[in-house]
């Protein structure tokens, strides 16, 4: 694959995307993971309805699976974008996020992050996160 090739990344270890986008796209050393909801890839159902902690962990596990399928890992992430539906969920999401990043970023060089409060596509979604990774 040349550095100019654009390749869709797909794994059964994360939920199937809608037909209008890819789970992730790699081009050169960049890997962009599409926004993930808290869908369990085995059951194809949302988990943690009403529980932002459970949803956040599922979302991050989905992202990790796509990163790994694309030849990267959480250590390679330079930016996470977090979308929350409720400001009151920020502390709980942030706690789970911090645990996850602590587990998967052994270098200690934390990714950049933006958190936005927004309405998400489905009412059961409390959190959606996407990631941008760079690797050689």
C-alpha atoms as a PDB file:
ATOM      1  CA  UNK A   1       0.000   0.000   0.000  1.00  0.00           C
ATOM      2  CA  UNK A   2       1.430   3.387  -0.940  1.00  0.00           C
ATOM      3  CA  UNK A   3       1.129   6.349   1.394  1.00  0.00           C
ATOM      4  CA  UNK A   4      -1.488   7.851  -0.922  1.00  0.00           C
ATOM      5  CA  UNK A   5      -3.849   4.836  -0.799  1.00  0.00           C
ATOM      6  CA  UNK A   6      -7.091   5.352   1.076  1.00  0.00           C
ATOM      7  CA  UNK A   7      -8.379   2.153   2.685  1.00  0.00           C
ATOM      8  CA  UNK A   8     -11.541   1.384   4.635  1.00  0.00           C
ATOM      9  CA  UNK A   9     -10.917  -0.361   7.953  1.00  0.00           C
ATOM     10  CA  UNK A  10     -13.421  -2.965   9.088  1.00  0.00           C
ATOM     11  CA  UNK A  11     -13.589  -5.421  11.967  1.00  0.00           C
ATOM     12  CA  UNK A  12     -16.256  -7.735  13.334  1.00  0.00           C
ATOM     13  CA  UNK A  13     -15.000  -6.753  16.819  1.00  0.00           C
ATOM     14  CA  UNK A  14     -16.846  -3.419  16.517  1.00  0.00           C
ATOM     15  CA  UNK A  15     -20.398  -2.670  15.409  1.00  0.00           C
ATOM     16  CA  UNK A  16     -21.094  -2.566  11.678  1.00  0.00           C
ATOM     17  CA  UNK A  17     -21.404   0.985  10.399  1.00  0.00           C
ATOM     18  CA  UNK A  18     -24.359   2.367   8.499  1.00  0.00           C
ATOM     19  CA  UNK A  19     -23.958   1.961   4.735  1.00  0.00           C
ATOM     20  CA  UNK A  20     -22.985   5.633   4.301  1.00  0.00           C
ATOM     21  CA  UNK A  21     -19.629   5.530   6.158  1.00  0.00           C
ATOM     22  CA  UNK A  22     -16.752   3.260   7.184  1.00  0.00           C
ATOM     23  CA  UNK A  23     -15.799   2.145  10.709  1.00  0.00           C
ATOM     24  CA  UNK A  24     -12.459   3.759   9.973  1.00  0.00           C
ATOM     25  CA  UNK A  25     -10.350   5.038   7.111  1.00  0.00           C
ATOM     26  CA  UNK A  26      -6.582   4.800   6.819  1.00  0.00           C
ATOM     27  CA  UNK A  27      -4.612   7.025   4.478  1.00  0.00           C
ATOM     28  CA  UNK A  28      -0.867   7.037   4.816  1.00  0.00           C
ATOM     29  CA  UNK A  29      -0.024   7.238   8.497  1.00  0.00           C
ATOM     30  CA  UNK A  30      -3.458   8.591   9.478  1.00  0.00           C
ATOM     31  CA  UNK A  31      -6.338   6.492  10.760  1.00  0.00           C
ATOM     32  CA  UNK A  32      -9.670   8.199  11.407  1.00  0.00           C
ATOM     33  CA  UNK A  33     -12.182   6.155  13.407  1.00  0.00           C
ATOM     34  CA  UNK A  34     -15.822   7.123  12.880  1.00  0.00           C
ATOM     35  CA  UNK A  35     -17.882   8.163  15.858  1.00  0.00           C
ATOM     36  CA  UNK A  36     -18.865   5.129  17.899  1.00  0.00           C
ATOM     37  CA  UNK A  37     -21.936   4.554  20.013  1.00  0.00           C
ATOM     38  CA  UNK A  38     -22.376   1.980  22.745  1.00  0.00           C
ATOM     39  CA  UNK A  39     -23.397  -0.888  20.479  1.00  0.00           C
ATOM     40  CA  UNK A  40     -22.174  -4.338  21.426  1.00  0.00           C
ATOM     41  CA  UNK A  41     -20.778  -5.891  18.224  1.00  0.00           C
ATOM     42  CA  UNK A  42     -21.936  -9.401  19.222  1.00  0.00           C
ATOM     43  CA  UNK A  43     -25.573  -8.562  19.938  1.00  0.00           C
ATOM     44  CA  UNK A  44     -25.749  -5.452  17.711  1.00  0.00           C
ATOM     45  CA  UNK A  45     -27.715  -3.800  20.532  1.00  0.00           C
ATOM     46  CA  UNK A  46     -27.046  -0.696  22.590  1.00  0.00           C
ATOM     47  CA  UNK A  47     -25.686  -1.388  26.079  1.00  0.00           C
ATOM     48  CA  UNK A  48     -25.860   0.687  29.227  1.00  0.00           C
ATOM     49  CA  UNK A  49     -29.069   2.500  28.506  1.00  0.00           C
ATOM     50  CA  UNK A  50     -29.151   5.433  30.914  1.00  0.00           C
ATOM     51  CA  UNK A  51     -25.607   4.684  32.219  1.00  0.00           C
ATOM     52  CA  UNK A  52     -22.923   6.909  30.713  1.00  0.00           C
ATOM     53  CA  UNK A  53     -20.142   4.924  32.417  1.00  0.00           C
ATOM     54  CA  UNK A  54     -21.132   1.654  30.750  1.00  0.00           C
ATOM     55  CA  UNK A  55     -21.717   3.415  27.436  1.00  0.00           C
ATOM     56  CA  UNK A  56     -18.362   5.217  27.542  1.00  0.00           C
ATOM     57  CA  UNK A  57     -16.432   2.007  28.142  1.00  0.00           C
ATOM     58  CA  UNK A  58     -18.253   0.192  25.304  1.00  0.00           C
ATOM     59  CA  UNK A  59     -17.611   3.126  22.953  1.00  0.00           C
ATOM     60  CA  UNK A  60     -13.891   3.177  23.803  1.00  0.00           C
ATOM     61  CA  UNK A  61     -13.617  -0.600  23.399  1.00  0.00           C
ATOM     62  CA  UNK A  62     -15.239  -0.282  19.955  1.00  0.00           C
ATOM     63  CA  UNK A  63     -12.719   2.414  19.012  1.00  0.00           C
ATOM     64  CA  UNK A  64      -9.818   0.277  20.238  1.00  0.00           C
ATOM     65  CA  UNK A  65     -11.008  -2.653  18.090  1.00  0.00           C
ATOM     66  CA  UNK A  66     -11.151  -0.474  14.973  1.00  0.00           C
ATOM     67  CA  UNK A  67      -7.746   1.060  15.718  1.00  0.00           C
ATOM     68  CA  UNK A  68      -6.239  -2.407  16.057  1.00  0.00           C
ATOM     69  CA  UNK A  69      -7.912  -3.603  12.850  1.00  0.00           C
ATOM     70  CA  UNK A  70      -6.291  -0.641  11.115  1.00  0.00           C
ATOM     71  CA  UNK A  71      -2.833  -1.474  12.442  1.00  0.00           C
ATOM     72  CA  UNK A  72      -2.808   1.158  15.195  1.00  0.00           C
ATOM     73  CA  UNK A  73      -3.644   1.327  18.868  1.00  0.00           C
ATOM     74  CA  UNK A  74      -4.806   3.745  21.524  1.00  0.00           C
ATOM     75  CA  UNK A  75      -1.159   4.757  22.038  1.00  0.00           C
ATOM     76  CA  UNK A  76      -1.241   6.136  18.462  1.00  0.00           C
ATOM     77  CA  UNK A  77      -4.298   8.345  19.033  1.00  0.00           C
ATOM     78  CA  UNK A  78      -3.521  12.052  18.861  1.00  0.00           C
ATOM     79  CA  UNK A  79      -7.125  13.265  19.214  1.00  0.00           C
ATOM     80  CA  UNK A  80     -10.378  12.034  20.711  1.00  0.00           C
ATOM     81  CA  UNK A  81     -13.599  13.959  20.165  1.00  0.00           C
ATOM     82  CA  UNK A  82     -16.291  13.247  22.743  1.00  0.00           C
ATOM     83  CA  UNK A  83     -19.942  14.147  22.231  1.00  0.00           C
ATOM     84  CA  UNK A  84     -22.202  14.064  25.293  1.00  0.00           C
ATOM     85  CA  UNK A  85     -25.929  14.727  25.491  1.00  0.00           C
ATOM     86  CA  UNK A  86     -25.903  15.925  29.117  1.00  0.00           C
ATOM     87  CA  UNK A  87     -23.400  18.140  30.957  1.00  0.00           C
ATOM     88  CA  UNK A  88     -24.251  16.231  34.108  1.00  0.00           C
ATOM     89  CA  UNK A  89     -22.592  13.141  32.613  1.00  0.00           C
ATOM     90  CA  UNK A  90     -19.216  14.814  32.087  1.00  0.00           C
ATOM     91  CA  UNK A  91     -17.550  13.714  35.354  1.00  0.00           C
ATOM     92  CA  UNK A  92     -18.643  10.070  34.998  1.00  0.00           C
ATOM     93  CA  UNK A  93     -17.569   9.927  31.335  1.00  0.00           C
ATOM     94  CA  UNK A  94     -14.267  11.599  32.176  1.00  0.00           C
ATOM     95  CA  UNK A  95     -13.553   9.074  34.946  1.00  0.00           C
ATOM     96  CA  UNK A  96     -14.075   6.089  32.618  1.00  0.00           C
ATOM     97  CA  UNK A  97     -12.110   7.828  29.853  1.00  0.00           C
ATOM     98  CA  UNK A  98      -9.192   8.476  32.225  1.00  0.00           C
ATOM     99  CA  UNK A  99      -9.145   4.806  33.321  1.00  0.00           C
ATOM    100  CA  UNK A 100      -9.203   3.633  29.695  1.00  0.00           C
ATOM    101  CA  UNK A 101      -6.450   5.968  28.537  1.00  0.00           C
ATOM    102  CA  UNK A 102      -4.386   5.027  31.597  1.00  0.00           C
ATOM    103  CA  UNK A 103      -4.698   1.341  30.627  1.00  0.00           C
ATOM    104  CA  UNK A 104      -3.876   1.817  26.946  1.00  0.00           C
ATOM    105  CA  UNK A 105      -1.376   4.701  26.759  1.00  0.00           C
ATOM    106  CA  UNK A 106       1.732   3.350  28.498  1.00  0.00           C
ATOM    107  CA  UNK A 107       3.885   6.246  27.279  1.00  0.00           C
ATOM    108  CA  UNK A 108       1.856   8.636  29.433  1.00  0.00           C
ATOM    109  CA  UNK A 109       1.631  11.082  26.500  1.00  0.00           C
ATOM    110  CA  UNK A 110      -2.110  11.673  26.596  1.00  0.00           C
ATOM    111  CA  UNK A 111      -4.082  12.312  23.400  1.00  0.00           C
ATOM    112  CA  UNK A 112      -5.638  15.706  22.783  1.00  0.00           C
ATOM    113  CA  UNK A 113      -9.379  15.839  23.387  1.00  0.00           C
ATOM    114  CA  UNK A 114     -12.407  17.956  22.691  1.00  0.00           C
ATOM    115  CA  UNK A 115     -15.731  17.469  24.492  1.00  0.00           C
ATOM    116  CA  UNK A 116     -18.913  18.850  22.976  1.00  0.00           C
ATOM    117  CA  UNK A 117     -22.442  18.753  24.335  1.00  0.00           C
ATOM    118  CA  UNK A 118     -24.832  17.887  21.533  1.00  0.00           C
ATOM    119  CA  UNK A 119     -27.960  16.030  20.544  1.00  0.00           C
ATOM    120  CA  UNK A 120     -26.961  12.596  19.229  1.00  0.00           C
ATOM    121  CA  UNK A 121     -28.686  10.607  16.449  1.00  0.00           C
ATOM    122  CA  UNK A 122     -30.559   8.176  18.706  1.00  0.00           C
ATOM    123  CA  UNK A 123     -32.234   8.924  22.046  1.00  0.00           C
ATOM    124  CA  UNK A 124     -30.492   6.051  23.902  1.00  0.00           C
ATOM    125  CA  UNK A 125     -27.057   7.444  22.990  1.00  0.00           C
ATOM    126  CA  UNK A 126     -25.546   9.384  25.900  1.00  0.00           C
ATOM    127  CA  UNK A 127     -22.035   9.512  24.413  1.00  0.00           C
ATOM    128  CA  UNK A 128     -20.341   9.193  21.038  1.00  0.00           C
ATOM    129  CA  UNK A 129     -16.573   9.346  20.512  1.00  0.00           C
ATOM    130  CA  UNK A 130     -14.345   9.386  17.447  1.00  0.00           C
ATOM    131  CA  UNK A 131     -10.551   9.156  17.224  1.00  0.00           C
ATOM    132  CA  UNK A 132      -7.678  10.224  14.987  1.00  0.00           C
ATOM    133  CA  UNK A 133      -4.510   8.153  15.148  1.00  0.00           C
ATOM    134  CA  UNK A 134      -1.133   8.616  13.510  1.00  0.00           C
ATOM    135  CA  UNK A 135       1.311   5.788  13.081  1.00  0.00           C
ATOM    136  CA  UNK A 136       4.112   4.850  10.752  1.00  0.00           C
END
